[in-house]
Amino acid sequence: MDALERIDQEVKNNPVVIFMKGTPQFPMCGFSMRAAKALSECGVPFTHVNVLQDPEIFENLPRYADWPTFPQIYVDGELIGGCDITLELHAGGELKTLLEKAAARQETAADEG
């Protein structure tokens, strides 16, 4: 499976995923740290991919959704943006609602499947 397929699989198989430098517990850049913290504060589980551990994902992720920087946050298979947009959504209270809806949709789909 090539890198773009692996990225696509992560995005489509997880209601919320952050592609970041490092991990939520040990972020390797300030932008990734702030975005992961905002996601964590919402109290909704999310998946993370450490782009520093996979050079192919690091190189190909900017092409996946035509977004050049890290982190990248996907909710329900859609790119919501990077650090700044995530922080704006969090400050406005919209991020938690967005994440809760994505988690609820996944639970409903799992119950129906």
PDB file of N, CA and C in Angstrom:
ATOM      1  N   MET A   1       0.851  -1.174   0.000  1.00  0.00           N
ATOM      2  CA  MET A   1       0.000   0.000   0.000  1.00  0.00           C
ATOM      3  C   MET A   1       0.900   1.242   0.000  1.00  0.00           C
ATOM      4  N   ASP A   2       0.623   2.179  -0.908  1.00  0.00           N
ATOM      5  CA  ASP A   2       1.476   3.366  -0.940  1.00  0.00           C
ATOM      6  C   ASP A   2       1.037   4.380   0.119  1.00  0.00           C
ATOM      7  N   ALA A   3       1.821   5.429   0.283  1.00  0.00           N
ATOM      8  CA  ALA A   3       1.597   6.406   1.350  1.00  0.00           C
ATOM      9  C   ALA A   3       0.237   7.081   1.239  1.00  0.00           C
ATOM     10  N   LEU A   4      -0.176   7.470   0.034  1.00  0.00           N
ATOM     11  CA  LEU A   4      -1.470   8.136  -0.122  1.00  0.00           C
ATOM     12  C   LEU A   4      -2.626   7.203   0.246  1.00  0.00           C
ATOM     13  N   GLU A   5      -2.492   5.930  -0.044  1.00  0.00           N
ATOM     14  CA  GLU A   5      -3.519   4.963   0.346  1.00  0.00           C
ATOM     15  C   GLU A   5      -3.563   4.808   1.871  1.00  0.00           C
ATOM     16  N   ARG A   6      -2.397   4.790   2.501  1.00  0.00           N
ATOM     17  CA  ARG A   6      -2.354   4.674   3.958  1.00  0.00           C
ATOM     18  C   ARG A   6      -2.958   5.910   4.621  1.00  0.00           C
ATOM     19  N   ILE A   7      -2.666   7.084   4.063  1.00  0.00           N
ATOM     20  CA  ILE A   7      -3.251   8.322   4.581  1.00  0.00           C
ATOM     21  C   ILE A   7      -4.765   8.260   4.439  1.00  0.00           C
ATOM     22  N   ASP A   8      -5.226   7.879   3.258  1.00  0.00           N
ATOM     23  CA  ASP A   8      -6.655   7.798   2.980  1.00  0.00           C
ATOM     24  C   ASP A   8      -7.340   6.834   3.946  1.00  0.00           C
ATOM     25  N   GLN A   9      -6.693   5.720   4.230  1.00  0.00           N
ATOM     26  CA  GLN A   9      -7.247   4.732   5.150  1.00  0.00           C
ATOM     27  C   GLN A   9      -7.395   5.318   6.559  1.00  0.00           C
ATOM     28  N   GLU A  10      -6.385   6.040   7.027  1.00  0.00           N
ATOM     29  CA  GLU A  10      -6.459   6.677   8.353  1.00  0.00           C
ATOM     30  C   GLU A  10      -7.600   7.684   8.403  1.00  0.00           C
ATOM     31  N   VAL A  11      -7.698   8.507   7.358  1.00  0.00           N
ATOM     32  CA  VAL A  11      -8.707   9.557   7.315  1.00  0.00           C
ATOM     33  C   VAL A  11     -10.116   8.956   7.278  1.00  0.00           C
ATOM     34  N   LYS A  12     -10.299   7.925   6.497  1.00  0.00           N
ATOM     35  CA  LYS A  12     -11.637   7.348   6.321  1.00  0.00           C
ATOM     36  C   LYS A  12     -12.048   6.389   7.437  1.00  0.00           C
ATOM     37  N   ASN A  13     -11.075   5.805   8.128  1.00  0.00           N
ATOM     38  CA  ASN A  13     -11.391   4.819   9.163  1.00  0.00           C
ATOM     39  C   ASN A  13     -11.440   5.387  10.574  1.00  0.00           C
ATOM     40  N   ASN A  14     -11.186   6.676  10.729  1.00  0.00           N
ATOM     41  CA  ASN A  14     -11.196   7.297  12.052  1.00  0.00           C
ATOM     42  C   ASN A  14     -12.045   8.564  12.003  1.00  0.00           C
ATOM     43  N   PRO A  15     -12.958   8.732  12.965  1.00  0.00           N
ATOM     44  CA  PRO A  15     -13.797   9.926  12.925  1.00  0.00           C
ATOM     45  C   PRO A  15     -12.994  11.218  13.105  1.00  0.00           C
ATOM     46  N   VAL A  16     -11.922  11.142  13.900  1.00  0.00           N
ATOM     47  CA  VAL A  16     -11.063  12.308  14.124  1.00  0.00           C
ATOM     48  C   VAL A  16      -9.618  11.828  14.100  1.00  0.00           C
ATOM     49  N   VAL A  17      -8.813  12.442  13.240  1.00  0.00           N
ATOM     50  CA  VAL A  17      -7.396  12.088  13.185  1.00  0.00           C
ATOM     51  C   VAL A  17      -6.566  13.350  12.979  1.00  0.00           C
ATOM     52  N   ILE A  18      -5.469  13.411  13.708  1.00  0.00           N
ATOM     53  CA  ILE A  18      -4.518  14.506  13.558  1.00  0.00           C
ATOM     54  C   ILE A  18      -3.199  13.921  13.066  1.00  0.00           C
ATOM     55  N   PHE A  19      -2.720  14.450  11.966  1.00  0.00           N
ATOM     56  CA  PHE A  19      -1.387  14.129  11.465  1.00  0.00           C
ATOM     57  C   PHE A  19      -0.491  15.218  12.037  1.00  0.00           C
ATOM     58  N   MET A  20       0.426  14.822  12.885  1.00  0.00           N
ATOM     59  CA  MET A  20       1.208  15.810  13.624  1.00  0.00           C
ATOM     60  C   MET A  20       2.671  15.403  13.741  1.00  0.00           C
ATOM     61  N   LYS A  21       3.461  16.362  14.154  1.00  0.00           N
ATOM     62  CA  LYS A  21       4.867  16.087  14.448  1.00  0.00           C
ATOM     63  C   LYS A  21       4.942  15.683  15.912  1.00  0.00           C
ATOM     64  N   GLY A  22       5.225  14.409  16.142  1.00  0.00           N
ATOM     65  CA  GLY A  22       5.262  13.870  17.487  1.00  0.00           C
ATOM     66  C   GLY A  22       3.940  13.207  17.823  1.00  0.00           C
ATOM     67  N   THR A  23       3.661  13.130  19.118  1.00  0.00           N
ATOM     68  CA  THR A  23       2.429  12.529  19.614  1.00  0.00           C
ATOM     69  C   THR A  23       1.737  13.541  20.524  1.00  0.00           C
ATOM     70  N   PRO A  24       0.469  13.329  20.849  1.00  0.00           N
ATOM     71  CA  PRO A  24      -0.184  14.262  21.772  1.00  0.00           C
ATOM     72  C   PRO A  24       0.545  14.356  23.120  1.00  0.00           C
ATOM     73  N   GLN A  25       1.132  13.242  23.572  1.00  0.00           N
ATOM     74  CA  GLN A  25       1.858  13.238  24.840  1.00  0.00           C
ATOM     75  C   GLN A  25       3.250  13.864  24.703  1.00  0.00           C
ATOM     76  N   PHE A  26       3.866  13.730  23.515  1.00  0.00           N
ATOM     77  CA  PHE A  26       5.209  14.255  23.274  1.00  0.00           C
ATOM     78  C   PHE A  26       5.268  14.953  21.911  1.00  0.00           C
ATOM     79  N   PRO A  27       4.602  16.117  21.805  1.00  0.00           N
ATOM     80  CA  PRO A  27       4.622  16.840  20.526  1.00  0.00           C
ATOM     81  C   PRO A  27       6.022  17.355  20.225  1.00  0.00           C
ATOM     82  N   MET A  28       6.327  17.406  18.930  1.00  0.00           N
ATOM     83  CA  MET A  28       7.660  17.828  18.507  1.00  0.00           C
ATOM     84  C   MET A  28       7.667  19.206  17.857  1.00  0.00           C
ATOM     85  N   CYS A  29       6.528  19.909  17.887  1.00  0.00           N
ATOM     86  CA  CYS A  29       6.506  21.309  17.446  1.00  0.00           C
ATOM     87  C   CYS A  29       5.346  21.999  18.146  1.00  0.00           C
ATOM     88  N   GLY A  30       5.436  23.295  18.259  1.00  0.00           N
ATOM     89  CA  GLY A  30       4.427  24.068  18.972  1.00  0.00           C
ATOM     90  C   GLY A  30       3.051  24.017  18.335  1.00  0.00           C
ATOM     91  N   PHE A  31       2.999  24.033  17.007  1.00  0.00           N
ATOM     92  CA  PHE A  31       1.709  23.993  16.323  1.00  0.00           C
ATOM     93  C   PHE A  31       1.001  22.665  16.590  1.00  0.00           C
ATOM     94  N   SER A  32       1.752  21.566  16.489  1.00  0.00           N
ATOM     95  CA  SER A  32       1.177  20.248  16.772  1.00  0.00           C
ATOM     96  C   SER A  32       0.738  20.162  18.230  1.00  0.00           C
ATOM     97  N   MET A  33       1.530  20.728  19.132  1.00  0.00           N
ATOM     98  CA  MET A  33       1.205  20.699  20.547  1.00  0.00           C
ATOM     99  C   MET A  33      -0.114  21.425  20.808  1.00  0.00           C
ATOM    100  N   ARG A  34      -0.272  22.624  20.261  1.00  0.00           N
ATOM    101  CA  ARG A  34      -1.484  23.408  20.509  1.00  0.00           C
ATOM    102  C   ARG A  34      -2.721  22.758  19.893  1.00  0.00           C
ATOM    103  N   ALA A  35      -2.581  22.218  18.689  1.00  0.00           N
ATOM    104  CA  ALA A  35      -3.727  21.579  18.036  1.00  0.00           C
ATOM    105  C   ALA A  35      -4.156  20.320  18.797  1.00  0.00           C
ATOM    106  N   ALA A  36      -3.190  19.490  19.184  1.00  0.00           N
ATOM    107  CA  ALA A  36      -3.506  18.266  19.929  1.00  0.00           C
ATOM    108  C   ALA A  36      -4.128  18.601  21.282  1.00  0.00           C
ATOM    109  N   LYS A  37      -3.647  19.657  21.905  1.00  0.00           N
ATOM    110  CA  LYS A  37      -4.207  20.077  23.199  1.00  0.00           C
ATOM    111  C   LYS A  37      -5.659  20.498  23.034  1.00  0.00           C
ATOM    112  N   ALA A  38      -5.960  21.252  21.979  1.00  0.00           N
ATOM    113  CA  ALA A  38      -7.343  21.672  21.727  1.00  0.00           C
ATOM    114  C   ALA A  38      -8.243  20.456  21.522  1.00  0.00           C
ATOM    115  N   LEU A  39      -7.762  19.484  20.741  1.00  0.00           N
ATOM    116  CA  LEU A  39      -8.542  18.260  20.532  1.00  0.00           C
ATOM    117  C   LEU A  39      -8.752  17.535  21.866  1.00  0.00           C
ATOM    118  N   SER A  40      -7.710  17.400  22.656  1.00  0.00           N
ATOM    119  CA  SER A  40      -7.793  16.702  23.941  1.00  0.00           C
ATOM    120  C   SER A  40      -8.778  17.379  24.881  1.00  0.00           C
ATOM    121  N   GLU A  41      -8.788  18.697  24.881  1.00  0.00           N
ATOM    122  CA  GLU A  41      -9.674  19.442  25.782  1.00  0.00           C
ATOM    123  C   GLU A  41     -11.148  19.231  25.446  1.00  0.00           C
ATOM    124  N   CYS A  42     -11.442  18.774  24.249  1.00  0.00           N
ATOM    125  CA  CYS A  42     -12.832  18.517  23.860  1.00  0.00           C
ATOM    126  C   CYS A  42     -13.360  17.229  24.474  1.00  0.00           C
ATOM    127  N   GLY A  43     -12.468  16.355  24.940  1.00  0.00           N
ATOM    128  CA  GLY A  43     -12.886  15.137  25.606  1.00  0.00           C
ATOM    129  C   GLY A  43     -13.408  14.043  24.681  1.00  0.00           C
ATOM    130  N   VAL A  44     -13.136  14.177  23.391  1.00  0.00           N
ATOM    131  CA  VAL A  44     -13.567  13.183  22.416  1.00  0.00           C
ATOM    132  C   VAL A  44     -12.325  12.428  21.944  1.00  0.00           C
ATOM    133  N   PRO A  45     -12.349  11.090  21.973  1.00  0.00           N
ATOM    134  CA  PRO A  45     -11.164  10.347  21.521  1.00  0.00           C
ATOM    135  C   PRO A  45     -10.805  10.677  20.072  1.00  0.00           C
ATOM    136  N   PHE A  46      -9.524  10.707  19.814  1.00  0.00           N
ATOM    137  CA  PHE A  46      -9.043  10.929  18.450  1.00  0.00           C
ATOM    138  C   PHE A  46      -7.802  10.094  18.209  1.00  0.00           C
ATOM    139  N   THR A  47      -7.527   9.871  16.940  1.00  0.00           N
ATOM    140  CA  THR A  47      -6.351   9.125  16.521  1.00  0.00           C
ATOM    141  C   THR A  47      -5.279  10.121  16.107  1.00  0.00           C
ATOM    142  N   HIS A  48      -4.037   9.742  16.295  1.00  0.00           N
ATOM    143  CA  HIS A  48      -2.950  10.595  15.814  1.00  0.00           C
ATOM    144  C   HIS A  48      -1.986   9.769  14.966  1.00  0.00           C
ATOM    145  N   VAL A  49      -1.335  10.446  14.038  1.00  0.00           N
ATOM    146  CA  VAL A  49      -0.284   9.850  13.225  1.00  0.00           C
ATOM    147  C   VAL A  49       0.930  10.761  13.361  1.00  0.00           C
ATOM    148  N   ASN A  50       2.029  10.192  13.813  1.00  0.00           N
ATOM    149  CA  ASN A  50       3.279  10.934  13.955  1.00  0.00           C
ATOM    150  C   ASN A  50       3.984  10.941  12.597  1.00  0.00           C
ATOM    151  N   VAL A  51       3.928  12.063  11.902  1.00  0.00           N
ATOM    152  CA  VAL A  51       4.502  12.138  10.555  1.00  0.00           C
ATOM    153  C   VAL A  51       6.028  12.053  10.577  1.00  0.00           C
ATOM    154  N   LEU A  52       6.627  12.294  11.735  1.00  0.00           N
ATOM    155  CA  LEU A  52       8.087  12.209  11.827  1.00  0.00           C
ATOM    156  C   LEU A  52       8.571  10.755  11.839  1.00  0.00           C
ATOM    157  N   GLN A  53       7.685   9.821  12.160  1.00  0.00           N
ATOM    158  CA  GLN A  53       8.060   8.410  12.172  1.00  0.00           C
ATOM    159  C   GLN A  53       7.853   7.737  10.825  1.00  0.00           C
ATOM    160  N   ASP A  54       7.242   8.435   9.883  1.00  0.00           N
ATOM    161  CA  ASP A  54       6.974   7.838   8.576  1.00  0.00           C
ATOM    162  C   ASP A  54       7.301   8.850   7.481  1.00  0.00           C
ATOM    163  N   PRO A  55       8.517   8.809   6.946  1.00  0.00           N
ATOM    164  CA  PRO A  55       8.928   9.786   5.937  1.00  0.00           C
ATOM    165  C   PRO A  55       8.013   9.826   4.713  1.00  0.00           C
ATOM    166  N   GLU A  56       7.431   8.687   4.347  1.00  0.00           N
ATOM    167  CA  GLU A  56       6.540   8.676   3.179  1.00  0.00           C
ATOM    168  C   GLU A  56       5.265   9.468   3.449  1.00  0.00           C
ATOM    169  N   ILE A  57       4.705   9.328   4.640  1.00  0.00           N
ATOM    170  CA  ILE A  57       3.520  10.116   4.987  1.00  0.00           C
ATOM    171  C   ILE A  57       3.906  11.587   5.100  1.00  0.00           C
ATOM    172  N   PHE A  58       5.047  11.869   5.710  1.00  0.00           N
ATOM    173  CA  PHE A  58       5.519  13.254   5.835  1.00  0.00           C
ATOM    174  C   PHE A  58       5.620  13.918   4.459  1.00  0.00           C
ATOM    175  N   GLU A  59       6.145  13.202   3.490  1.00  0.00           N
ATOM    176  CA  GLU A  59       6.339  13.753   2.147  1.00  0.00           C
ATOM    177  C   GLU A  59       5.036  13.852   1.355  1.00  0.00           C
ATOM    178  N   ASN A  60       4.118  12.926   1.560  1.00  0.00           N
ATOM    179  CA  ASN A  60       2.917  12.847   0.726  1.00  0.00           C
ATOM    180  C   ASN A  60       1.676  13.501   1.316  1.00  0.00           C
ATOM    181  N   LEU A  61       1.622  13.708   2.615  1.00  0.00           N
ATOM    182  CA  LEU A  61       0.428  14.289   3.223  1.00  0.00           C
ATOM    183  C   LEU A  61       0.082  15.664   2.647  1.00  0.00           C
ATOM    184  N   PRO A  62       1.044  16.546   2.386  1.00  0.00           N
ATOM    185  CA  PRO A  62       0.676  17.830   1.787  1.00  0.00           C
ATOM    186  C   PRO A  62      -0.047  17.699   0.441  1.00  0.00           C
ATOM    187  N   ARG A  63       0.190  16.632  -0.284  1.00  0.00           N
ATOM    188  CA  ARG A  63      -0.489  16.402  -1.570  1.00  0.00           C
ATOM    189  C   ARG A  63      -1.891  15.841  -1.381  1.00  0.00           C
ATOM    190  N   TYR A  64      -2.120  15.148  -0.291  1.00  0.00           N
ATOM    191  CA  TYR A  64      -3.383  14.445  -0.084  1.00  0.00           C
ATOM    192  C   TYR A  64      -4.579  15.403  -0.152  1.00  0.00           C
ATOM    193  N   ALA A  65      -4.517  16.492   0.573  1.00  0.00           N
ATOM    194  CA  ALA A  65      -5.634  17.453   0.590  1.00  0.00           C
ATOM    195  C   ALA A  65      -5.182  18.842   0.159  1.00  0.00           C
ATOM    196  N   ASP A  66      -4.021  18.891  -0.487  1.00  0.00           N
ATOM    197  CA  ASP A  66      -3.471  20.165  -0.940  1.00  0.00           C
ATOM    198  C   ASP A  66      -3.348  21.163   0.215  1.00  0.00           C
ATOM    199  N   TRP A  67      -2.796  20.690   1.323  1.00  0.00           N
ATOM    200  CA  TRP A  67      -2.564  21.511   2.515  1.00  0.00           C
ATOM    201  C   TRP A  67      -1.085  21.355   2.862  1.00  0.00           C
ATOM    202  N   PRO A  68      -0.298  22.423   2.774  1.00  0.00           N
ATOM    203  CA  PRO A  68       1.160  22.279   2.821  1.00  0.00           C
ATOM    204  C   PRO A  68       1.803  22.086   4.189  1.00  0.00           C
ATOM    205  N   THR A  69       1.073  22.333   5.271  1.00  0.00           N
ATOM    206  CA  THR A  69       1.719  22.365   6.583  1.00  0.00           C
ATOM    207  C   THR A  69       1.179  21.292   7.521  1.00  0.00           C
ATOM    208  N   PHE A  70       1.871  21.116   8.630  1.00  0.00           N
ATOM    209  CA  PHE A  70       1.472  20.218   9.712  1.00  0.00           C
ATOM    210  C   PHE A  70       1.214  21.070  10.948  1.00  0.00           C
ATOM    211  N   PRO A  71       0.289  20.668  11.781  1.00  0.00           N
ATOM    212  CA  PRO A  71      -0.540  19.480  11.716  1.00  0.00           C
ATOM    213  C   PRO A  71      -1.694  19.639  10.727  1.00  0.00           C
ATOM    214  N   GLN A  72      -2.319  18.501  10.445  1.00  0.00           N
ATOM    215  CA  GLN A  72      -3.548  18.475   9.655  1.00  0.00           C
ATOM    216  C   GLN A  72      -4.568  17.668  10.446  1.00  0.00           C
ATOM    217  N   ILE A  73      -5.759  18.261  10.607  1.00  0.00           N
ATOM    218  CA  ILE A  73      -6.807  17.621  11.381  1.00  0.00           C
ATOM    219  C   ILE A  73      -7.974  17.283  10.458  1.00  0.00           C
ATOM    220  N   TYR A  74      -8.380  16.021  10.490  1.00  0.00           N
ATOM    221  CA  TYR A  74      -9.489  15.527   9.675  1.00  0.00           C
ATOM    222  C   TYR A  74     -10.614  15.081  10.593  1.00  0.00           C
ATOM    223  N   VAL A  75     -11.831  15.490  10.252  1.00  0.00           N
ATOM    224  CA  VAL A  75     -13.018  15.094  10.999  1.00  0.00           C
ATOM    225  C   VAL A  75     -14.024  14.560   9.983  1.00  0.00           C
ATOM    226  N   ASP A  76     -14.499  13.352  10.218  1.00  0.00           N
ATOM    227  CA  ASP A  76     -15.437  12.706   9.292  1.00  0.00           C
ATOM    228  C   ASP A  76     -14.901  12.670   7.864  1.00  0.00           C
ATOM    229  N   GLY A  77     -13.609  12.409   7.737  1.00  0.00           N
ATOM    230  CA  GLY A  77     -13.010  12.280   6.415  1.00  0.00           C
ATOM    231  C   GLY A  77     -12.704  13.587   5.707  1.00  0.00           C
ATOM    232  N   GLU A  78     -12.970  14.712   6.369  1.00  0.00           N
ATOM    233  CA  GLU A  78     -12.750  16.023   5.751  1.00  0.00           C
ATOM    234  C   GLU A  78     -11.664  16.782   6.513  1.00  0.00           C
ATOM    235  N   LEU A  79     -10.798  17.437   5.772  1.00  0.00           N
ATOM    236  CA  LEU A  79      -9.782  18.297   6.386  1.00  0.00           C
ATOM    237  C   LEU A  79     -10.474  19.519   6.968  1.00  0.00           C
ATOM    238  N   ILE A  80     -10.306  19.733   8.280  1.00  0.00           N
ATOM    239  CA  ILE A  80     -10.838  20.967   8.851  1.00  0.00           C
ATOM    240  C   ILE A  80      -9.758  22.044   8.873  1.00  0.00           C
ATOM    241  N   GLY A  81      -8.496  21.631   8.803  1.00  0.00           N
ATOM    242  CA  GLY A  81      -7.422  22.609   8.734  1.00  0.00           C
ATOM    243  C   GLY A  81      -6.241  22.232   9.595  1.00  0.00           C
ATOM    244  N   GLY A  82      -5.473  23.255   9.909  1.00  0.00           N
ATOM    245  CA  GLY A  82      -4.285  23.077  10.716  1.00  0.00           C
ATOM    246  C   GLY A  82      -4.476  23.661  12.101  1.00  0.00           C
ATOM    247  N   CYS A  83      -3.401  24.107  12.684  1.00  0.00           N
ATOM    248  CA  CYS A  83      -3.417  24.596  14.056  1.00  0.00           C
ATOM    249  C   CYS A  83      -4.321  25.816  14.220  1.00  0.00           C
ATOM    250  N   ASP A  84      -4.138  26.850  13.403  1.00  0.00           N
ATOM    251  CA  ASP A  84      -4.885  28.097  13.588  1.00  0.00           C
ATOM    252  C   ASP A  84      -6.387  27.881  13.502  1.00  0.00           C
ATOM    253  N   ILE A  85      -6.828  27.160  12.495  1.00  0.00           N
ATOM    254  CA  ILE A  85      -8.270  26.922  12.320  1.00  0.00           C
ATOM    255  C   ILE A  85      -8.812  26.098  13.481  1.00  0.00           C
ATOM    256  N   THR A  86      -8.053  25.098  13.902  1.00  0.00           N
ATOM    257  CA  THR A  86      -8.477  24.258  15.027  1.00  0.00           C
ATOM    258  C   THR A  86      -8.622  25.094  16.294  1.00  0.00           C
ATOM    259  N   LEU A  87      -7.657  25.981  16.544  1.00  0.00           N
ATOM    260  CA  LEU A  87      -7.725  26.829  17.738  1.00  0.00           C
ATOM    261  C   LEU A  87      -8.901  27.799  17.662  1.00  0.00           C
ATOM    262  N   GLU A  88      -9.184  28.325  16.479  1.00  0.00           N
ATOM    263  CA  GLU A  88     -10.333  29.221  16.311  1.00  0.00           C
ATOM    264  C   GLU A  88     -11.636  28.472  16.588  1.00  0.00           C
ATOM    265  N   LEU A  89     -11.765  27.270  16.034  1.00  0.00           N
ATOM    266  CA  LEU A  89     -12.969  26.462  16.270  1.00  0.00           C
ATOM    267  C   LEU A  89     -13.113  26.132  17.751  1.00  0.00           C
ATOM    268  N   HIS A  90     -12.001  25.839  18.406  1.00  0.00           N
ATOM    269  CA  HIS A  90     -12.015  25.506  19.831  1.00  0.00           C
ATOM    270  C   HIS A  90     -12.434  26.723  20.655  1.00  0.00           C
ATOM    271  N   ALA A  91     -11.865  27.869  20.361  1.00  0.00           N
ATOM    272  CA  ALA A  91     -12.180  29.088  21.107  1.00  0.00           C
ATOM    273  C   ALA A  91     -13.654  29.459  20.965  1.00  0.00           C
ATOM    274  N   GLY A  92     -14.223  29.186  19.803  1.00  0.00           N
ATOM    275  CA  GLY A  92     -15.625  29.498  19.566  1.00  0.00           C
ATOM    276  C   GLY A  92     -16.583  28.420  20.028  1.00  0.00           C
ATOM    277  N   GLY A  93     -16.058  27.317  20.579  1.00  0.00           N
ATOM    278  CA  GLY A  93     -16.899  26.239  21.057  1.00  0.00           C
ATOM    279  C   GLY A  93     -17.391  25.296  19.962  1.00  0.00           C
ATOM    280  N   GLU A  94     -16.992  25.540  18.733  1.00  0.00           N
ATOM    281  CA  GLU A  94     -17.467  24.734  17.612  1.00  0.00           C
ATOM    282  C   GLU A  94     -16.727  23.398  17.493  1.00  0.00           C
ATOM    283  N   LEU A  95     -15.472  23.358  17.918  1.00  0.00           N
ATOM    284  CA  LEU A  95     -14.662  22.153  17.745  1.00  0.00           C
ATOM    285  C   LEU A  95     -15.261  20.974  18.503  1.00  0.00           C
ATOM    286  N   LYS A  96     -15.643  21.189  19.756  1.00  0.00           N
ATOM    287  CA  LYS A  96     -16.196  20.100  20.558  1.00  0.00           C
ATOM    288  C   LYS A  96     -17.458  19.538  19.903  1.00  0.00           C
ATOM    289  N   THR A  97     -18.327  20.413  19.433  1.00  0.00           N
ATOM    290  CA  THR A  97     -19.557  19.976  18.766  1.00  0.00           C
ATOM    291  C   THR A  97     -19.239  19.153  17.529  1.00  0.00           C
ATOM    292  N   LEU A  98     -18.285  19.635  16.738  1.00  0.00           N
ATOM    293  CA  LEU A  98     -17.873  18.936  15.522  1.00  0.00           C
ATOM    294  C   LEU A  98     -17.348  17.539  15.840  1.00  0.00           C
ATOM    295  N   LEU A  99     -16.498  17.441  16.857  1.00  0.00           N
ATOM    296  CA  LEU A  99     -15.912  16.156  17.238  1.00  0.00           C
ATOM    297  C   LEU A  99     -16.958  15.209  17.820  1.00  0.00           C
ATOM    298  N   GLU A 100     -17.861  15.745  18.634  1.00  0.00           N
ATOM    299  CA  GLU A 100     -18.906  14.908  19.226  1.00  0.00           C
ATOM    300  C   GLU A 100     -19.823  14.333  18.147  1.00  0.00           C
ATOM    301  N   LYS A 101     -20.163  15.149  17.152  1.00  0.00           N
ATOM    302  CA  LYS A 101     -21.014  14.669  16.059  1.00  0.00           C
ATOM    303  C   LYS A 101     -20.304  13.566  15.273  1.00  0.00           C
ATOM    304  N   ALA A 102     -19.007  13.742  15.025  1.00  0.00           N
ATOM    305  CA  ALA A 102     -18.243  12.728  14.288  1.00  0.00           C
ATOM    306  C   ALA A 102     -18.194  11.421  15.074  1.00  0.00           C
ATOM    307  N   ALA A 103     -17.965  11.507  16.379  1.00  0.00           N
ATOM    308  CA  ALA A 103     -17.911  10.308  17.217  1.00  0.00           C
ATOM    309  C   ALA A 103     -19.277   9.624  17.253  1.00  0.00           C
ATOM    310  N   ALA A 104     -20.344  10.407  17.344  1.00  0.00           N
ATOM    311  CA  ALA A 104     -21.697   9.842  17.386  1.00  0.00           C
ATOM    312  C   ALA A 104     -22.031   9.144  16.071  1.00  0.00           C
ATOM    313  N   ARG A 105     -21.623   9.740  14.948  1.00  0.00           N
ATOM    314  CA  ARG A 105     -21.875   9.110  13.652  1.00  0.00           C
ATOM    315  C   ARG A 105     -21.142   7.777  13.553  1.00  0.00           C
ATOM    316  N   GLN A 106     -19.924   7.716  14.068  1.00  0.00           N
ATOM    317  CA  GLN A 106     -19.180   6.461  14.015  1.00  0.00           C
ATOM    318  C   GLN A 106     -19.867   5.393  14.881  1.00  0.00           C
ATOM    319  N   GLU A 107     -20.336   5.790  16.057  1.00  0.00           N
ATOM    320  CA  GLU A 107     -21.026   4.840  16.935  1.00  0.00           C
ATOM    321  C   GLU A 107     -22.294   4.313  16.269  1.00  0.00           C
ATOM    322  N   THR A 108     -23.042   5.210  15.619  1.00  0.00           N
ATOM    323  CA  THR A 108     -24.270   4.810  14.932  1.00  0.00           C
ATOM    324  C   THR A 108     -23.958   3.845  13.809  1.00  0.00           C
ATOM    325  N   ALA A 109     -22.924   4.158  13.043  1.00  0.00           N
ATOM    326  CA  ALA A 109     -22.524   3.282  11.938  1.00  0.00           C
ATOM    327  C   ALA A 109     -22.089   1.914  12.462  1.00  0.00           C
ATOM    328  N   ALA A 110     -21.367   1.899  13.586  1.00  0.00           N
ATOM    329  CA  ALA A 110     -20.910   0.631  14.161  1.00  0.00           C
ATOM    330  C   ALA A 110     -22.099  -0.185  14.663  1.00  0.00           C
ATOM    331  N   ASP A 111     -23.097   0.491  15.239  1.00  0.00           N
ATOM    332  CA  ASP A 111     -24.291  -0.201  15.730  1.00  0.00           C
ATOM    333  C   ASP A 111     -25.089  -0.799  14.564  1.00  0.00           C
ATOM    334  N   GLU A 112     -25.116  -0.092  13.446  1.00  0.00           N
ATOM    335  CA  GLU A 112     -25.875  -0.552  12.281  1.00  0.00           C
ATOM    336  C   GLU A 112     -25.135  -1.637  11.501  1.00  0.00           C
ATOM    337  N   GLY A 113     -23.781  -1.635  11.634  1.00  0.00           N
ATOM    338  CA  GLY A 113     -22.972  -2.583  10.874  1.00  0.00           C
ATOM    339  C   GLY A 113     -22.912  -3.892  11.503  1.00  0.00           C
TER     340      GLY A 113
END
